[in-house]
PDB file of N, CA and C in Angstrom:
ATOM      1  N   MET A   1     -33.525 181.382 -66.110  1.00  0.00           N
ATOM      2  CA  MET A   1     -34.471 181.002 -67.143  1.00  0.00           C
ATOM      3  C   MET A   1     -34.701 179.491 -67.085  1.00  0.00           C
ATOM      4  N   VAL A   2     -35.911 179.105 -67.308  1.00  0.00           N
ATOM      5  CA  VAL A   2     -36.308 177.702 -67.256  1.00  0.00           C
ATOM      6  C   VAL A   2     -36.074 177.062 -68.617  1.00  0.00           C
ATOM      7  N   ASP A   3     -35.425 175.904 -68.618  1.00  0.00           N
ATOM      8  CA  ASP A   3     -35.246 175.136 -69.843  1.00  0.00           C
ATOM      9  C   ASP A   3     -36.430 174.178 -69.960  1.00  0.00           C
ATOM     10  N   PRO A   4     -37.406 174.490 -70.816  1.00  0.00           N
ATOM     11  CA  PRO A   4     -38.608 173.658 -70.870  1.00  0.00           C
ATOM     12  C   PRO A   4     -38.334 172.225 -71.315  1.00  0.00           C
ATOM     13  N   ASP A   5     -37.352 172.033 -72.176  1.00  0.00           N
ATOM     14  CA  ASP A   5     -37.040 170.675 -72.613  1.00  0.00           C
ATOM     15  C   ASP A   5     -36.497 169.832 -71.458  1.00  0.00           C
ATOM     16  N   LEU A   6     -35.670 170.440 -70.613  1.00  0.00           N
ATOM     17  CA  LEU A   6     -35.138 169.733 -69.450  1.00  0.00           C
ATOM     18  C   LEU A   6     -36.257 169.393 -68.464  1.00  0.00           C
ATOM     19  N   PHE A   7     -37.154 170.335 -68.226  1.00  0.00           N
ATOM     20  CA  PHE A   7     -38.279 170.073 -67.332  1.00  0.00           C
ATOM     21  C   PHE A   7     -39.170 168.963 -67.883  1.00  0.00           C
ATOM     22  N   LEU A   8     -39.396 168.960 -69.191  1.00  0.00           N
ATOM     23  CA  LEU A   8     -40.204 167.904 -69.804  1.00  0.00           C
ATOM     24  C   LEU A   8     -39.533 166.549 -69.637  1.00  0.00           C
ATOM     25  N   ALA A   9     -38.239 166.480 -69.890  1.00  0.00           N
ATOM     26  CA  ALA A   9     -37.518 165.213 -69.793  1.00  0.00           C
ATOM     27  C   ALA A   9     -37.519 164.693 -68.355  1.00  0.00           C
ATOM     28  N   ILE A  10     -37.247 165.554 -67.396  1.00  0.00           N
ATOM     29  CA  ILE A  10     -37.239 165.124 -65.990  1.00  0.00           C
ATOM     30  C   ILE A  10     -38.640 164.713 -65.546  1.00  0.00           C
ATOM     31  N   GLY A  11     -39.653 165.457 -65.980  1.00  0.00           N
ATOM     32  CA  GLY A  11     -41.027 165.107 -65.632  1.00  0.00           C
ATOM     33  C   GLY A  11     -41.428 163.749 -66.179  1.00  0.00           C
ATOM     34  N   ILE A  12     -41.039 163.451 -67.409  1.00  0.00           N
ATOM     35  CA  ILE A  12     -41.363 162.149 -68.007  1.00  0.00           C
ATOM     36  C   ILE A  12     -40.622 161.032 -67.283  1.00  0.00           C
ATOM     37  N   ILE A  13     -39.355 161.256 -66.992  1.00  0.00           N
ATOM     38  CA  ILE A  13     -38.574 160.229 -66.284  1.00  0.00           C
ATOM     39  C   ILE A  13     -39.162 159.966 -64.891  1.00  0.00           C
ATOM     40  N   LEU A  14     -39.520 161.031 -64.173  1.00  0.00           N
ATOM     41  CA  LEU A  14     -40.146 160.855 -62.861  1.00  0.00           C
ATOM     42  C   LEU A  14     -41.468 160.106 -62.975  1.00  0.00           C
ATOM     43  N   GLY A  15     -42.236 160.429 -63.995  1.00  0.00           N
ATOM     44  CA  GLY A  15     -43.506 159.744 -64.199  1.00  0.00           C
ATOM     45  C   GLY A  15     -43.333 158.256 -64.435  1.00  0.00           C
ATOM     46  N   VAL A  16     -42.325 157.897 -65.208  1.00  0.00           N
ATOM     47  CA  VAL A  16     -42.060 156.482 -65.467  1.00  0.00           C
ATOM     48  C   VAL A  16     -41.550 155.787 -64.206  1.00  0.00           C
ATOM     49  N   LEU A  17     -40.700 156.460 -63.453  1.00  0.00           N
ATOM     50  CA  LEU A  17     -40.161 155.866 -62.230  1.00  0.00           C
ATOM     51  C   LEU A  17     -41.212 155.743 -61.120  1.00  0.00           C
ATOM     52  N   THR A  18     -42.316 156.435 -61.264  1.00  0.00           N
ATOM     53  CA  THR A  18     -43.385 156.374 -60.280  1.00  0.00           C
ATOM     54  C   THR A  18     -44.166 155.065 -60.362  1.00  0.00           C
ATOM     55  N   ILE A  19     -44.233 154.466 -61.530  1.00  0.00           N
ATOM     56  CA  ILE A  19     -45.058 153.273 -61.741  1.00  0.00           C
ATOM     57  C   ILE A  19     -44.705 152.136 -60.781  1.00  0.00           C
ATOM     58  N   PRO A  20     -43.430 151.752 -60.623  1.00  0.00           N
ATOM     59  CA  PRO A  20     -43.136 150.675 -59.666  1.00  0.00           C
ATOM     60  C   PRO A  20     -43.518 151.006 -58.229  1.00  0.00           C
ATOM     61  N   SER A  21     -43.340 152.249 -57.825  1.00  0.00           N
ATOM     62  CA  SER A  21     -43.700 152.649 -56.471  1.00  0.00           C
ATOM     63  C   SER A  21     -45.204 152.519 -56.245  1.00  0.00           C
ATOM     64  N   LEU A  22     -45.996 152.970 -57.209  1.00  0.00           N
ATOM     65  CA  LEU A  22     -47.449 152.864 -57.090  1.00  0.00           C
ATOM     66  C   LEU A  22     -47.902 151.415 -57.070  1.00  0.00           C
ATOM     67  N   LEU A  23     -47.364 150.612 -57.964  1.00  0.00           N
ATOM     68  CA  LEU A  23     -47.750 149.202 -58.018  1.00  0.00           C
ATOM     69  C   LEU A  23     -47.363 148.461 -56.742  1.00  0.00           C
ATOM     70  N   SER A  24     -46.193 148.747 -56.224  1.00  0.00           N
ATOM     71  CA  SER A  24     -45.747 148.097 -54.992  1.00  0.00           C
ATOM     72  C   SER A  24     -46.666 148.443 -53.826  1.00  0.00           C
ATOM     73  N   ALA A  25     -47.026 149.703 -53.697  1.00  0.00           N
ATOM     74  CA  ALA A  25     -47.900 150.118 -52.599  1.00  0.00           C
ATOM     75  C   ALA A  25     -49.279 149.478 -52.733  1.00  0.00           C
ATOM     76  N   TRP A  26     -49.823 149.468 -53.935  1.00  0.00           N
ATOM     77  CA  TRP A  26     -51.164 148.908 -54.118  1.00  0.00           C
ATOM     78  C   TRP A  26     -51.197 147.403 -53.887  1.00  0.00           C
ATOM     79  N   THR A  27     -50.161 146.686 -54.316  1.00  0.00           N
ATOM     80  CA  THR A  27     -50.159 145.239 -54.105  1.00  0.00           C
ATOM     81  C   THR A  27     -49.943 144.879 -52.638  1.00  0.00           C
ATOM     82  N   ASP A  28     -49.259 145.736 -51.884  1.00  0.00           N
ATOM     83  CA  ASP A  28     -49.059 145.492 -50.453  1.00  0.00           C
ATOM     84  C   ASP A  28     -50.214 146.007 -49.611  1.00  0.00           C
ATOM     85  N   GLY A  29     -51.165 146.683 -50.235  1.00  0.00           N
ATOM     86  CA  GLY A  29     -52.308 147.214 -49.504  1.00  0.00           C
ATOM     87  C   GLY A  29     -52.004 148.496 -48.747  1.00  0.00           C
ATOM     88  N   ARG A  30     -50.938 149.177 -49.131  1.00  0.00           N
ATOM     89  CA  ARG A  30     -50.569 150.434 -48.478  1.00  0.00           C
ATOM     90  C   ARG A  30     -51.084 151.618 -49.300  1.00  0.00           C
ATOM     91  N   VAL A  31     -51.117 152.767 -48.675  1.00  0.00           N
ATOM     92  CA  VAL A  31     -51.465 153.998 -49.379  1.00  0.00           C
ATOM     93  C   VAL A  31     -50.223 154.472 -50.131  1.00  0.00           C
ATOM     94  N   PRO A  32     -50.329 154.746 -51.431  1.00  0.00           N
ATOM     95  CA  PRO A  32     -49.136 155.132 -52.212  1.00  0.00           C
ATOM     96  C   PRO A  32     -48.781 156.610 -52.052  1.00  0.00           C
ATOM     97  N   ARG A  33     -48.373 156.991 -50.857  1.00  0.00           N
ATOM     98  CA  ARG A  33     -48.068 158.408 -50.597  1.00  0.00           C
ATOM     99  C   ARG A  33     -46.884 158.914 -51.416  1.00  0.00           C
ATOM    100  N   PHE A  34     -45.772 158.184 -51.351  1.00  0.00           N
ATOM    101  CA  PHE A  34     -44.577 158.627 -52.070  1.00  0.00           C
ATOM    102  C   PHE A  34     -44.828 158.641 -53.576  1.00  0.00           C
ATOM    103  N   GLY A  35     -45.498 157.607 -54.073  1.00  0.00           N
ATOM    104  CA  GLY A  35     -45.815 157.551 -55.495  1.00  0.00           C
ATOM    105  C   GLY A  35     -46.725 158.691 -55.925  1.00  0.00           C
ATOM    106  N   ALA A  36     -47.680 159.035 -55.072  1.00  0.00           N
ATOM    107  CA  ALA A  36     -48.589 160.137 -55.390  1.00  0.00           C
ATOM    108  C   ALA A  36     -47.847 161.471 -55.437  1.00  0.00           C
ATOM    109  N   ILE A  37     -46.912 161.657 -54.519  1.00  0.00           N
ATOM    110  CA  ILE A  37     -46.124 162.899 -54.525  1.00  0.00           C
ATOM    111  C   ILE A  37     -45.255 162.959 -55.783  1.00  0.00           C
ATOM    112  N   MET A  38     -44.676 161.831 -56.160  1.00  0.00           N
ATOM    113  CA  MET A  38     -43.851 161.810 -57.374  1.00  0.00           C
ATOM    114  C   MET A  38     -44.690 162.097 -58.626  1.00  0.00           C
ATOM    115  N   VAL A  39     -45.899 161.555 -58.678  1.00  0.00           N
ATOM    116  CA  VAL A  39     -46.793 161.839 -59.807  1.00  0.00           C
ATOM    117  C   VAL A  39     -47.110 163.326 -59.852  1.00  0.00           C
ATOM    118  N   LEU A  40     -47.393 163.913 -58.703  1.00  0.00           N
ATOM    119  CA  LEU A  40     -47.698 165.336 -58.638  1.00  0.00           C
ATOM    120  C   LEU A  40     -46.527 166.178 -59.132  1.00  0.00           C
ATOM    121  N   VAL A  41     -45.327 165.856 -58.688  1.00  0.00           N
ATOM    122  CA  VAL A  41     -44.132 166.595 -59.126  1.00  0.00           C
ATOM    123  C   VAL A  41     -43.920 166.420 -60.627  1.00  0.00           C
ATOM    124  N   ALA A  42     -44.106 165.207 -61.137  1.00  0.00           N
ATOM    125  CA  ALA A  42     -43.932 164.953 -62.568  1.00  0.00           C
ATOM    126  C   ALA A  42     -44.935 165.756 -63.392  1.00  0.00           C
ATOM    127  N   VAL A  43     -46.186 165.785 -62.958  1.00  0.00           N
ATOM    128  CA  VAL A  43     -47.221 166.539 -63.688  1.00  0.00           C
ATOM    129  C   VAL A  43     -46.915 168.028 -63.657  1.00  0.00           C
ATOM    130  N   ILE A  44     -46.472 168.527 -62.522  1.00  0.00           N
ATOM    131  CA  ILE A  44     -46.135 169.948 -62.418  1.00  0.00           C
ATOM    132  C   ILE A  44     -44.964 170.288 -63.338  1.00  0.00           C
ATOM    133  N   MET A  45     -43.957 169.425 -63.388  1.00  0.00           N
ATOM    134  CA  MET A  45     -42.798 169.694 -64.250  1.00  0.00           C
ATOM    135  C   MET A  45     -43.193 169.697 -65.723  1.00  0.00           C
ATOM    136  N   VAL A  46     -44.028 168.766 -66.127  1.00  0.00           N
ATOM    137  CA  VAL A  46     -44.482 168.728 -67.525  1.00  0.00           C
ATOM    138  C   VAL A  46     -45.344 169.958 -67.829  1.00  0.00           C
ATOM    139  N   ALA A  47     -46.183 170.358 -66.878  1.00  0.00           N
ATOM    140  CA  ALA A  47     -47.022 171.547 -67.079  1.00  0.00           C
ATOM    141  C   ALA A  47     -46.180 172.817 -67.196  1.00  0.00           C
ATOM    142  N   VAL A  48     -45.147 172.942 -66.361  1.00  0.00           N
ATOM    143  CA  VAL A  48     -44.250 174.109 -66.445  1.00  0.00           C
ATOM    144  C   VAL A  48     -43.531 174.119 -67.793  1.00  0.00           C
ATOM    145  N   ALA A  49     -43.117 172.947 -68.250  1.00  0.00           N
ATOM    146  CA  ALA A  49     -42.448 172.862 -69.547  1.00  0.00           C
ATOM    147  C   ALA A  49     -43.388 173.279 -70.673  1.00  0.00           C
ATOM    148  N   ALA A  50     -44.618 172.801 -70.624  1.00  0.00           N
ATOM    149  CA  ALA A  50     -45.583 173.146 -71.672  1.00  0.00           C
ATOM    150  C   ALA A  50     -45.931 174.628 -71.643  1.00  0.00           C
ATOM    151  N   LYS A  51     -45.999 175.203 -70.445  1.00  0.00           N
ATOM    152  CA  LYS A  51     -46.327 176.625 -70.332  1.00  0.00           C
ATOM    153  C   LYS A  51     -45.194 177.513 -70.844  1.00  0.00           C
ATOM    154  N   ASN A  52     -43.952 177.092 -70.623  1.00  0.00           N
ATOM    155  CA  ASN A  52     -42.803 177.915 -71.009  1.00  0.00           C
ATOM    156  C   ASN A  52     -42.336 177.680 -72.432  1.00  0.00           C
ATOM    157  N   LYS A  53     -42.928 176.745 -73.142  1.00  0.00           N
ATOM    158  CA  LYS A  53     -42.578 176.508 -74.550  1.00  0.00           C
ATOM    159  C   LYS A  53     -43.657 177.173 -75.404  1.00  0.00           C
ATOM    160  N   PRO A  54     -43.321 178.265 -76.093  1.00  0.00           N
ATOM    161  CA  PRO A  54     -44.344 179.018 -76.832  1.00  0.00           C
ATOM    162  C   PRO A  54     -45.042 178.202 -77.928  1.00  0.00           C
ATOM    163  N   THR A  55     -44.329 177.315 -78.567  1.00  0.00           N
ATOM    164  CA  THR A  55     -44.928 176.547 -79.662  1.00  0.00           C
ATOM    165  C   THR A  55     -45.571 175.262 -79.185  1.00  0.00           C
ATOM    166  N   GLY A  56     -45.364 174.900 -77.931  1.00  0.00           N
ATOM    167  CA  GLY A  56     -45.946 173.675 -77.389  1.00  0.00           C
ATOM    168  C   GLY A  56     -45.156 172.447 -77.797  1.00  0.00           C
ATOM    169  N   TYR A  57     -45.682 171.284 -77.426  1.00  0.00           N
ATOM    170  CA  TYR A  57     -45.031 170.012 -77.716  1.00  0.00           C
ATOM    171  C   TYR A  57     -45.995 169.101 -78.455  1.00  0.00           C
ATOM    172  N   LYS A  58     -45.433 168.280 -79.320  1.00  0.00           N
ATOM    173  CA  LYS A  58     -46.187 167.203 -79.948  1.00  0.00           C
ATOM    174  C   LYS A  58     -45.649 165.890 -79.390  1.00  0.00           C
ATOM    175  N   ILE A  59     -46.495 164.890 -79.354  1.00  0.00           N
ATOM    176  CA  ILE A  59     -46.060 163.576 -78.855  1.00  0.00           C
ATOM    177  C   ILE A  59     -44.919 163.040 -79.709  1.00  0.00           C
ATOM    178  N   SER A  60     -44.957 163.300 -80.993  1.00  0.00           N
ATOM    179  CA  SER A  60     -43.906 162.791 -81.884  1.00  0.00           C
ATOM    180  C   SER A  60     -42.560 163.468 -81.647  1.00  0.00           C
ATOM    181  N   ASP A  61     -42.545 164.619 -80.981  1.00  0.00           N
ATOM    182  CA  ASP A  61     -41.297 165.338 -80.708  1.00  0.00           C
ATOM    183  C   ASP A  61     -40.597 164.853 -79.436  1.00  0.00           C
ATOM    184  N   VAL A  62     -41.297 164.101 -78.595  1.00  0.00           N
ATOM    185  CA  VAL A  62     -40.756 163.722 -77.292  1.00  0.00           C
ATOM    186  C   VAL A  62     -39.470 162.895 -77.394  1.00  0.00           C
ATOM    187  N   PRO A  63     -39.374 161.862 -78.252  1.00  0.00           N
ATOM    188  CA  PRO A  63     -38.113 161.124 -78.320  1.00  0.00           C
ATOM    189  C   PRO A  63     -36.917 162.000 -78.713  1.00  0.00           C
ATOM    190  N   THR A  64     -37.130 162.893 -79.651  1.00  0.00           N
ATOM    191  CA  THR A  64     -36.056 163.799 -80.069  1.00  0.00           C
ATOM    192  C   THR A  64     -35.653 164.732 -78.933  1.00  0.00           C
ATOM    193  N   ILE A  65     -36.628 165.236 -78.210  1.00  0.00           N
ATOM    194  CA  ILE A  65     -36.341 166.132 -77.090  1.00  0.00           C
ATOM    195  C   ILE A  65     -35.556 165.391 -76.014  1.00  0.00           C
ATOM    196  N   MET A  66     -35.967 164.153 -75.716  1.00  0.00           N
ATOM    197  CA  MET A  66     -35.256 163.366 -74.699  1.00  0.00           C
ATOM    198  C   MET A  66     -33.799 163.141 -75.112  1.00  0.00           C
ATOM    199  N   LEU A  67     -33.579 162.779 -76.355  1.00  0.00           N
ATOM    200  CA  LEU A  67     -32.208 162.562 -76.824  1.00  0.00           C
ATOM    201  C   LEU A  67     -31.390 163.847 -76.796  1.00  0.00           C
ATOM    202  N   ASN A  68     -31.994 164.959 -77.182  1.00  0.00           N
ATOM    203  CA  ASN A  68     -31.281 166.244 -77.156  1.00  0.00           C
ATOM    204  C   ASN A  68     -30.890 166.628 -75.727  1.00  0.00           C
ATOM    205  N   VAL A  69     -31.791 166.425 -74.783  1.00  0.00           N
ATOM    206  CA  VAL A  69     -31.494 166.770 -73.389  1.00  0.00           C
ATOM    207  C   VAL A  69     -30.378 165.879 -72.856  1.00  0.00           C
ATOM    208  N   VAL A  70     -30.456 164.594 -73.126  1.00  0.00           N
ATOM    209  CA  VAL A  70     -29.419 163.671 -72.646  1.00  0.00           C
ATOM    210  C   VAL A  70     -28.071 164.037 -73.256  1.00  0.00           C
ATOM    211  N   SER A  71     -28.044 164.289 -74.556  1.00  0.00           N
ATOM    212  CA  SER A  71     -26.774 164.624 -75.202  1.00  0.00           C
ATOM    213  C   SER A  71     -26.224 165.961 -74.725  1.00  0.00           C
ATOM    214  N   ARG A  72     -27.091 166.869 -74.349  1.00  0.00           N
ATOM    215  CA  ARG A  72     -26.653 168.180 -73.877  1.00  0.00           C
ATOM    216  C   ARG A  72     -26.027 168.118 -72.482  1.00  0.00           C
ATOM    217  N   TYR A  73     -26.567 167.269 -71.609  1.00  0.00           N
ATOM    218  CA  TYR A  73     -26.136 167.284 -70.212  1.00  0.00           C
ATOM    219  C   TYR A  73     -25.225 166.124 -69.828  1.00  0.00           C
ATOM    220  N   VAL A  74     -25.079 165.119 -70.674  1.00  0.00           N
ATOM    221  CA  VAL A  74     -24.220 163.989 -70.335  1.00  0.00           C
ATOM    222  C   VAL A  74     -22.758 164.282 -70.647  1.00  0.00           C
ATOM    223  N   ASN A  75     -22.511 165.058 -71.667  1.00  0.00           N
ATOM    224  CA  ASN A  75     -21.130 165.353 -72.063  1.00  0.00           C
ATOM    225  C   ASN A  75     -20.383 165.991 -70.997  1.00  0.00           C
TER     226      ASN A  75
END
């Protein structure tokens, strides 16, 4: 079974980590291949999370979800 909260958290983290890769490639004049793949994976993970959560997500719920996921898997 897919844990939609975990997929959402990983997708958001990947999306944030993609920003430096994209900026580095663009400033060096390179094609951001790795950054584009990471963005694609992040979007797919967030989409899978949204599809598997029957009630959906609100933007205001994201910080709580992130904290719950971290507290669940860090212990």
